[in-house]
Amino acid sequence: MRFDMKTSTYKAISCDFYDILEASATLKKECIINFFNANGEEQQLVSRIINLFTKDKEEFMELEHRELIRLDRIISVDGVLLPTAC
């Protein structure tokens, strides 16, 4: 599965999944994050979530090395799959 970065509009993520991200950020927990990168390809990295924020009606997570991931591009965090929006 590929994620079309040029034509995709932001889709809100599950409230429960957002809570998982917030908890990981609060605990400064190192996470295994699977997501679609800027080319629409699946990618995995290990990092800490340092901030969750909204910009232009899109939600993002900022990781410890300043990487930004739009929340609806996440596939999973620590094996927990991103469910559909609430």
PDB file of N, CA and C in Angstrom:
ATOM      1  N   MET A   1       0.852  -1.194   0.000  1.00  0.00           N
ATOM      2  CA  MET A   1       0.000   0.000   0.000  1.00  0.00           C
ATOM      3  C   MET A   1       0.884   1.239   0.000  1.00  0.00           C
ATOM      4  N   ARG A   2       0.529   2.197  -0.819  1.00  0.00           N
ATOM      5  CA  ARG A   2       1.268   3.462  -0.870  1.00  0.00           C
ATOM      6  C   ARG A   2       0.342   4.591  -0.476  1.00  0.00           C
ATOM      7  N   PHE A   3       0.904   5.656   0.025  1.00  0.00           N
ATOM      8  CA  PHE A   3       0.166   6.826   0.475  1.00  0.00           C
ATOM      9  C   PHE A   3       0.499   7.956  -0.487  1.00  0.00           C
ATOM     10  N   ASP A   4      -0.489   8.478  -1.194  1.00  0.00           N
ATOM     11  CA  ASP A   4      -0.249   9.538  -2.171  1.00  0.00           C
ATOM     12  C   ASP A   4      -0.102  10.877  -1.452  1.00  0.00           C
ATOM     13  N   MET A   5       1.118  11.356  -1.336  1.00  0.00           N
ATOM     14  CA  MET A   5       1.419  12.564  -0.576  1.00  0.00           C
ATOM     15  C   MET A   5       0.911  13.827  -1.256  1.00  0.00           C
ATOM     16  N   LYS A   6       0.783  13.815  -2.547  1.00  0.00           N
ATOM     17  CA  LYS A   6       0.412  15.036  -3.261  1.00  0.00           C
ATOM     18  C   LYS A   6      -1.096  15.303  -3.243  1.00  0.00           C
ATOM     19  N   THR A   7      -1.888  14.242  -3.223  1.00  0.00           N
ATOM     20  CA  THR A   7      -3.332  14.433  -3.335  1.00  0.00           C
ATOM     21  C   THR A   7      -4.094  14.115  -2.051  1.00  0.00           C
ATOM     22  N   SER A   8      -3.404  13.679  -1.036  1.00  0.00           N
ATOM     23  CA  SER A   8      -4.128  13.279   0.170  1.00  0.00           C
ATOM     24  C   SER A   8      -4.483  14.482   1.043  1.00  0.00           C
ATOM     25  N   THR A   9      -5.717  14.483   1.514  1.00  0.00           N
ATOM     26  CA  THR A   9      -6.140  15.495   2.474  1.00  0.00           C
ATOM     27  C   THR A   9      -6.109  14.856   3.854  1.00  0.00           C
ATOM     28  N   TYR A  10      -5.903  15.670   4.860  1.00  0.00           N
ATOM     29  CA  TYR A  10      -5.770  15.149   6.210  1.00  0.00           C
ATOM     30  C   TYR A  10      -7.063  14.508   6.680  1.00  0.00           C
ATOM     31  N   LYS A  11      -6.937  13.342   7.324  1.00  0.00           N
ATOM     32  CA  LYS A  11      -8.064  12.637   7.924  1.00  0.00           C
ATOM     33  C   LYS A  11      -7.755  12.475   9.407  1.00  0.00           C
ATOM     34  N   ALA A  12      -8.658  12.949  10.245  1.00  0.00           N
ATOM     35  CA  ALA A  12      -8.446  12.872  11.690  1.00  0.00           C
ATOM     36  C   ALA A  12      -8.220  11.425  12.124  1.00  0.00           C
ATOM     37  N   ILE A  13      -7.347  11.251  13.110  1.00  0.00           N
ATOM     38  CA  ILE A  13      -7.069   9.903  13.610  1.00  0.00           C
ATOM     39  C   ILE A  13      -7.982   9.595  14.797  1.00  0.00           C
ATOM     40  N   SER A  14      -7.988   8.354  15.196  1.00  0.00           N
ATOM     41  CA  SER A  14      -8.760   7.890  16.336  1.00  0.00           C
ATOM     42  C   SER A  14      -8.350   8.628  17.610  1.00  0.00           C
ATOM     43  N   CYS A  15      -9.330   9.009  18.403  1.00  0.00           N
ATOM     44  CA  CYS A  15      -9.061   9.679  19.683  1.00  0.00           C
ATOM     45  C   CYS A  15      -8.267   8.765  20.608  1.00  0.00           C
ATOM     46  N   ASP A  16      -8.593   7.475  20.607  1.00  0.00           N
ATOM     47  CA  ASP A  16      -7.871   6.523  21.448  1.00  0.00           C
ATOM     48  C   ASP A  16      -6.407   6.411  21.026  1.00  0.00           C
ATOM     49  N   PHE A  17      -6.159   6.424  19.719  1.00  0.00           N
ATOM     50  CA  PHE A  17      -4.785   6.342  19.227  1.00  0.00           C
ATOM     51  C   PHE A  17      -4.022   7.613  19.588  1.00  0.00           C
ATOM     52  N   TYR A  18      -4.688   8.757  19.501  1.00  0.00           N
ATOM     53  CA  TYR A  18      -4.053  10.019  19.890  1.00  0.00           C
ATOM     54  C   TYR A  18      -3.644   9.951  21.364  1.00  0.00           C
ATOM     55  N   ASP A  19      -4.490   9.357  22.192  1.00  0.00           N
ATOM     56  CA  ASP A  19      -4.163   9.200  23.612  1.00  0.00           C
ATOM     57  C   ASP A  19      -2.904   8.352  23.803  1.00  0.00           C
ATOM     58  N   ILE A  20      -2.742   7.329  22.986  1.00  0.00           N
ATOM     59  CA  ILE A  20      -1.542   6.488  23.036  1.00  0.00           C
ATOM     60  C   ILE A  20      -0.306   7.322  22.698  1.00  0.00           C
ATOM     61  N   LEU A  21      -0.423   8.153  21.670  1.00  0.00           N
ATOM     62  CA  LEU A  21       0.701   9.022  21.287  1.00  0.00           C
ATOM     63  C   LEU A  21       1.042  10.003  22.409  1.00  0.00           C
ATOM     64  N   GLU A  22       0.014  10.596  23.013  1.00  0.00           N
ATOM     65  CA  GLU A  22       0.234  11.532  24.122  1.00  0.00           C
ATOM     66  C   GLU A  22       0.923  10.851  25.302  1.00  0.00           C
ATOM     67  N   ALA A  23       0.478   9.641  25.628  1.00  0.00           N
ATOM     68  CA  ALA A  23       1.084   8.909  26.739  1.00  0.00           C
ATOM     69  C   ALA A  23       2.554   8.609  26.450  1.00  0.00           C
ATOM     70  N   SER A  24       2.854   8.196  25.235  1.00  0.00           N
ATOM     71  CA  SER A  24       4.245   7.908  24.857  1.00  0.00           C
ATOM     72  C   SER A  24       5.101   9.162  24.939  1.00  0.00           C
ATOM     73  N   ALA A  25       4.535  10.296  24.517  1.00  0.00           N
ATOM     74  CA  ALA A  25       5.273  11.570  24.580  1.00  0.00           C
ATOM     75  C   ALA A  25       5.512  11.972  26.030  1.00  0.00           C
ATOM     76  N   THR A  26       4.489  11.844  26.868  1.00  0.00           N
ATOM     77  CA  THR A  26       4.602  12.222  28.273  1.00  0.00           C
ATOM     78  C   THR A  26       5.648  11.377  28.995  1.00  0.00           C
ATOM     79  N   LEU A  27       5.670  10.084  28.688  1.00  0.00           N
ATOM     80  CA  LEU A  27       6.621   9.165  29.323  1.00  0.00           C
ATOM     81  C   LEU A  27       8.008   9.215  28.695  1.00  0.00           C
ATOM     82  N   LYS A  28       8.132   9.975  27.593  1.00  0.00           N
ATOM     83  CA  LYS A  28       9.396  10.055  26.841  1.00  0.00           C
ATOM     84  C   LYS A  28       9.893   8.669  26.460  1.00  0.00           C
ATOM     85  N   LYS A  29       8.935   7.847  26.062  1.00  0.00           N
ATOM     86  CA  LYS A  29       9.178   6.459  25.720  1.00  0.00           C
ATOM     87  C   LYS A  29       9.711   6.332  24.294  1.00  0.00           C
ATOM     88  N   GLU A  30      10.739   5.543  24.118  1.00  0.00           N
ATOM     89  CA  GLU A  30      11.231   5.254  22.776  1.00  0.00           C
ATOM     90  C   GLU A  30      10.231   4.329  22.094  1.00  0.00           C
ATOM     91  N   CYS A  31       9.810   4.679  20.890  1.00  0.00           N
ATOM     92  CA  CYS A  31       8.767   3.956  20.163  1.00  0.00           C
ATOM     93  C   CYS A  31       9.280   3.466  18.814  1.00  0.00           C
ATOM     94  N   ILE A  32       8.712   2.355  18.383  1.00  0.00           N
ATOM     95  CA  ILE A  32       8.916   1.879  17.012  1.00  0.00           C
ATOM     96  C   ILE A  32       7.751   2.427  16.201  1.00  0.00           C
ATOM     97  N   ILE A  33       8.052   3.291  15.235  1.00  0.00           N
ATOM     98  CA  ILE A  33       7.024   3.994  14.473  1.00  0.00           C
ATOM     99  C   ILE A  33       7.093   3.561  13.012  1.00  0.00           C
ATOM    100  N   ASN A  34       5.983   3.030  12.517  1.00  0.00           N
ATOM    101  CA  ASN A  34       5.853   2.687  11.099  1.00  0.00           C
ATOM    102  C   ASN A  34       4.932   3.721  10.471  1.00  0.00           C
ATOM    103  N   PHE A  35       5.335   4.263   9.321  1.00  0.00           N
ATOM    104  CA  PHE A  35       4.578   5.346   8.699  1.00  0.00           C
ATOM    105  C   PHE A  35       4.889   5.418   7.221  1.00  0.00           C
ATOM    106  N   PHE A  36       4.115   6.233   6.513  1.00  0.00           N
ATOM    107  CA  PHE A  36       4.396   6.510   5.111  1.00  0.00           C
ATOM    108  C   PHE A  36       5.253   7.760   5.031  1.00  0.00           C
ATOM    109  N   ASN A  37       6.414   7.670   4.371  1.00  0.00           N
ATOM    110  CA  ASN A  37       7.319   8.816   4.263  1.00  0.00           C
ATOM    111  C   ASN A  37       6.854   9.788   3.170  1.00  0.00           C
ATOM    112  N   ALA A  38       7.651  10.804   2.910  1.00  0.00           N
ATOM    113  CA  ALA A  38       7.294  11.847   1.942  1.00  0.00           C
ATOM    114  C   ALA A  38       7.112  11.315   0.526  1.00  0.00           C
ATOM    115  N   ASN A  39       7.701  10.153   0.238  1.00  0.00           N
ATOM    116  CA  ASN A  39       7.544   9.531  -1.083  1.00  0.00           C
ATOM    117  C   ASN A  39       6.388   8.545  -1.123  1.00  0.00           C
ATOM    118  N   GLY A  40       5.656   8.423  -0.001  1.00  0.00           N
ATOM    119  CA  GLY A  40       4.535   7.506   0.059  1.00  0.00           C
ATOM    120  C   GLY A  40       4.932   6.064   0.294  1.00  0.00           C
ATOM    121  N   GLU A  41       6.177   5.844   0.692  1.00  0.00           N
ATOM    122  CA  GLU A  41       6.672   4.494   0.946  1.00  0.00           C
ATOM    123  C   GLU A  41       6.647   4.205   2.441  1.00  0.00           C
ATOM    124  N   GLU A  42       6.426   2.932   2.786  1.00  0.00           N
ATOM    125  CA  GLU A  42       6.449   2.545   4.190  1.00  0.00           C
ATOM    126  C   GLU A  42       7.867   2.676   4.735  1.00  0.00           C
ATOM    127  N   GLN A  43       7.957   3.204   5.953  1.00  0.00           N
ATOM    128  CA  GLN A  43       9.245   3.403   6.595  1.00  0.00           C
ATOM    129  C   GLN A  43       9.082   3.110   8.082  1.00  0.00           C
ATOM    130  N   GLN A  44      10.162   2.689   8.718  1.00  0.00           N
ATOM    131  CA  GLN A  44      10.149   2.449  10.163  1.00  0.00           C
ATOM    132  C   GLN A  44      11.320   3.177  10.793  1.00  0.00           C
ATOM    133  N   LEU A  45      11.066   3.749  11.972  1.00  0.00           N
ATOM    134  CA  LEU A  45      12.158   4.325  12.742  1.00  0.00           C
ATOM    135  C   LEU A  45      11.858   4.168  14.221  1.00  0.00           C
ATOM    136  N   VAL A  46      12.912   4.299  15.021  1.00  0.00           N
ATOM    137  CA  VAL A  46      12.790   4.230  16.468  1.00  0.00           C
ATOM    138  C   VAL A  46      13.148   5.609  17.003  1.00  0.00           C
ATOM    139  N   SER A  47      12.229   6.199  17.761  1.00  0.00           N
ATOM    140  CA  SER A  47      12.452   7.559  18.256  1.00  0.00           C
ATOM    141  C   SER A  47      11.497   7.851  19.406  1.00  0.00           C
ATOM    142  N   ARG A  48      11.699   8.992  20.034  1.00  0.00           N
ATOM    143  CA  ARG A  48      10.790   9.483  21.065  1.00  0.00           C
ATOM    144  C   ARG A  48       9.926  10.590  20.478  1.00  0.00           C
ATOM    145  N   ILE A  49       8.659  10.612  20.877  1.00  0.00           N
ATOM    146  CA  ILE A  49       7.744  11.677  20.473  1.00  0.00           C
ATOM    147  C   ILE A  49       7.947  12.821  21.455  1.00  0.00           C
ATOM    148  N   ILE A  50       8.335  13.994  20.936  1.00  0.00           N
ATOM    149  CA  ILE A  50       8.558  15.117  21.855  1.00  0.00           C
ATOM    150  C   ILE A  50       7.437  16.152  21.810  1.00  0.00           C
ATOM    151  N   ASN A  51       6.609  16.114  20.757  1.00  0.00           N
ATOM    152  CA  ASN A  51       5.542  17.099  20.668  1.00  0.00           C
ATOM    153  C   ASN A  51       4.458  16.615  19.706  1.00  0.00           C
ATOM    154  N   LEU A  52       3.220  16.941  20.038  1.00  0.00           N
ATOM    155  CA  LEU A  52       2.078  16.743  19.142  1.00  0.00           C
ATOM    156  C   LEU A  52       1.465  18.114  18.940  1.00  0.00           C
ATOM    157  N   PHE A  53       1.195  18.480  17.682  1.00  0.00           N
ATOM    158  CA  PHE A  53       0.664  19.820  17.418  1.00  0.00           C
ATOM    159  C   PHE A  53      -0.189  19.833  16.161  1.00  0.00           C
ATOM    160  N   THR A  54      -0.950  20.911  16.028  1.00  0.00           N
ATOM    161  CA  THR A  54      -1.805  21.122  14.862  1.00  0.00           C
ATOM    162  C   THR A  54      -1.316  22.340  14.103  1.00  0.00           C
ATOM    163  N   LYS A  55      -1.251  22.208  12.783  1.00  0.00           N
ATOM    164  CA  LYS A  55      -0.871  23.326  11.916  1.00  0.00           C
ATOM    165  C   LYS A  55      -1.727  23.236  10.666  1.00  0.00           C
ATOM    166  N   ASP A  56      -2.403  24.329  10.322  1.00  0.00           N
ATOM    167  CA  ASP A  56      -3.241  24.372   9.120  1.00  0.00           C
ATOM    168  C   ASP A  56      -4.241  23.216   9.082  1.00  0.00           C
ATOM    169  N   LYS A  57      -4.861  22.940  10.231  1.00  0.00           N
ATOM    170  CA  LYS A  57      -5.895  21.907  10.369  1.00  0.00           C
ATOM    171  C   LYS A  57      -5.372  20.490  10.136  1.00  0.00           C
ATOM    172  N   GLU A  58      -4.071  20.294  10.265  1.00  0.00           N
ATOM    173  CA  GLU A  58      -3.456  18.974  10.179  1.00  0.00           C
ATOM    174  C   GLU A  58      -2.688  18.734  11.475  1.00  0.00           C
ATOM    175  N   GLU A  59      -2.714  17.481  11.951  1.00  0.00           N
ATOM    176  CA  GLU A  59      -2.017  17.129  13.186  1.00  0.00           C
ATOM    177  C   GLU A  59      -0.698  16.438  12.872  1.00  0.00           C
ATOM    178  N   PHE A  60       0.315  16.759  13.665  1.00  0.00           N
ATOM    179  CA  PHE A  60       1.668  16.239  13.463  1.00  0.00           C
ATOM    180  C   PHE A  60       2.264  15.767  14.767  1.00  0.00           C
ATOM    181  N   MET A  61       3.244  14.870  14.653  1.00  0.00           N
ATOM    182  CA  MET A  61       4.100  14.555  15.777  1.00  0.00           C
ATOM    183  C   MET A  61       5.517  14.968  15.410  1.00  0.00           C
ATOM    184  N   GLU A  62       6.202  15.525  16.398  1.00  0.00           N
ATOM    185  CA  GLU A  62       7.612  15.877  16.234  1.00  0.00           C
ATOM    186  C   GLU A  62       8.415  14.874  17.029  1.00  0.00           C
ATOM    187  N   LEU A  63       9.418  14.298  16.395  1.00  0.00           N
ATOM    188  CA  LEU A  63      10.257  13.301  17.038  1.00  0.00           C
ATOM    189  C   LEU A  63      11.547  13.935  17.542  1.00  0.00           C
ATOM    190  N   GLU A  64      12.302  13.188  18.332  1.00  0.00           N
ATOM    191  CA  GLU A  64      13.457  13.747  19.028  1.00  0.00           C
ATOM    192  C   GLU A  64      14.527  14.345  18.115  1.00  0.00           C
ATOM    193  N   HIS A  65      14.628  13.906  16.902  1.00  0.00           N
ATOM    194  CA  HIS A  65      15.635  14.467  15.987  1.00  0.00           C
ATOM    195  C   HIS A  65      15.005  15.422  14.979  1.00  0.00           C
ATOM    196  N   ARG A  66      13.853  15.990  15.372  1.00  0.00           N
ATOM    197  CA  ARG A  66      13.119  17.018  14.624  1.00  0.00           C
ATOM    198  C   ARG A  66      12.388  16.508  13.402  1.00  0.00           C
ATOM    199  N   GLU A  67      12.282  15.177  13.241  1.00  0.00           N
ATOM    200  CA  GLU A  67      11.446  14.654  12.166  1.00  0.00           C
ATOM    201  C   GLU A  67       9.995  15.002  12.480  1.00  0.00           C
ATOM    202  N   LEU A  68       9.235  15.289  11.434  1.00  0.00           N
ATOM    203  CA  LEU A  68       7.799  15.542  11.575  1.00  0.00           C
ATOM    204  C   LEU A  68       7.041  14.472  10.794  1.00  0.00           C
ATOM    205  N   ILE A  69       5.989  13.938  11.408  1.00  0.00           N
ATOM    206  CA  ILE A  69       5.139  12.957  10.734  1.00  0.00           C
ATOM    207  C   ILE A  69       3.698  13.404  10.906  1.00  0.00           C
ATOM    208  N   ARG A  70       2.985  13.553   9.795  1.00  0.00           N
ATOM    209  CA  ARG A  70       1.559  13.865   9.878  1.00  0.00           C
ATOM    210  C   ARG A  70       0.853  12.644  10.453  1.00  0.00           C
ATOM    211  N   LEU A  71      -0.013  12.844  11.431  1.00  0.00           N
ATOM    212  CA  LEU A  71      -0.565  11.732  12.188  1.00  0.00           C
ATOM    213  C   LEU A  71      -1.338  10.727  11.347  1.00  0.00           C
ATOM    214  N   ASP A  72      -1.992  11.158  10.293  1.00  0.00           N
ATOM    215  CA  ASP A  72      -2.732  10.194   9.479  1.00  0.00           C
ATOM    216  C   ASP A  72      -1.830   9.385   8.550  1.00  0.00           C
ATOM    217  N   ARG A  73      -0.531   9.635   8.592  1.00  0.00           N
ATOM    218  CA  ARG A  73       0.429   8.851   7.808  1.00  0.00           C
ATOM    219  C   ARG A  73       1.046   7.730   8.634  1.00  0.00           C
ATOM    220  N   ILE A  74       0.675   7.669   9.909  1.00  0.00           N
ATOM    221  CA  ILE A  74       1.179   6.614  10.777  1.00  0.00           C
ATOM    222  C   ILE A  74       0.490   5.303  10.409  1.00  0.00           C
ATOM    223  N   ILE A  75       1.267   4.242  10.400  1.00  0.00           N
ATOM    224  CA  ILE A  75       0.737   2.894  10.215  1.00  0.00           C
ATOM    225  C   ILE A  75       0.555   2.261  11.589  1.00  0.00           C
ATOM    226  N   SER A  76       1.605   2.335  12.426  1.00  0.00           N
ATOM    227  CA  SER A  76       1.536   1.781  13.773  1.00  0.00           C
ATOM    228  C   SER A  76       2.601   2.413  14.655  1.00  0.00           C
ATOM    229  N   VAL A  77       2.369   2.328  15.960  1.00  0.00           N
ATOM    230  CA  VAL A  77       3.348   2.740  16.961  1.00  0.00           C
ATOM    231  C   VAL A  77       3.440   1.601  17.965  1.00  0.00           C
ATOM    232  N   ASP A  78       4.636   1.060  18.127  1.00  0.00           N
ATOM    233  CA  ASP A  78       4.876  -0.091  19.021  1.00  0.00           C
ATOM    234  C   ASP A  78       3.905  -1.235  18.747  1.00  0.00           C
ATOM    235  N   GLY A  79       3.611  -1.478  17.484  1.00  0.00           N
ATOM    236  CA  GLY A  79       2.761  -2.588  17.097  1.00  0.00           C
ATOM    237  C   GLY A  79       1.259  -2.304  17.161  1.00  0.00           C
ATOM    238  N   VAL A  80       0.879  -1.140  17.688  1.00  0.00           N
ATOM    239  CA  VAL A  80      -0.535  -0.772  17.748  1.00  0.00           C
ATOM    240  C   VAL A  80      -0.884  -0.078  16.432  1.00  0.00           C
ATOM    241  N   LEU A  81      -1.789  -0.686  15.667  1.00  0.00           N
ATOM    242  CA  LEU A  81      -2.178  -0.129  14.372  1.00  0.00           C
ATOM    243  C   LEU A  81      -3.058   1.085  14.534  1.00  0.00           C
ATOM    244  N   LEU A  82      -2.894   2.051  13.631  1.00  0.00           N
ATOM    245  CA  LEU A  82      -3.747   3.227  13.603  1.00  0.00           C
ATOM    246  C   LEU A  82      -5.152   2.816  13.184  1.00  0.00           C
ATOM    247  N   PRO A  83      -6.145   2.957  14.078  1.00  0.00           N
ATOM    248  CA  PRO A  83      -7.528   2.629  13.686  1.00  0.00           C
ATOM    249  C   PRO A  83      -8.168   3.772  12.908  1.00  0.00           C
ATOM    250  N   THR A  84      -9.405   3.582  12.493  1.00  0.00           N
ATOM    251  CA  THR A  84     -10.126   4.629  11.779  1.00  0.00           C
ATOM    252  C   THR A  84     -10.473   5.767  12.727  1.00  0.00           C
ATOM    253  N   ALA A  85     -10.819   6.918  12.180  1.00  0.00           N
ATOM    254  CA  ALA A  85     -11.097   8.132  12.965  1.00  0.00           C
ATOM    255  C   ALA A  85     -12.305   7.957  13.863  1.00  0.00           C
ATOM    256  N   CYS A  86     -12.337   8.773  14.948  1.00  0.00           N
ATOM    257  CA  CYS A  86     -13.461   8.732  15.883  1.00  0.00           C
ATOM    258  C   CYS A  86     -14.527   9.731  15.467  1.00  0.00           C
TER     259      CYS A  86
END
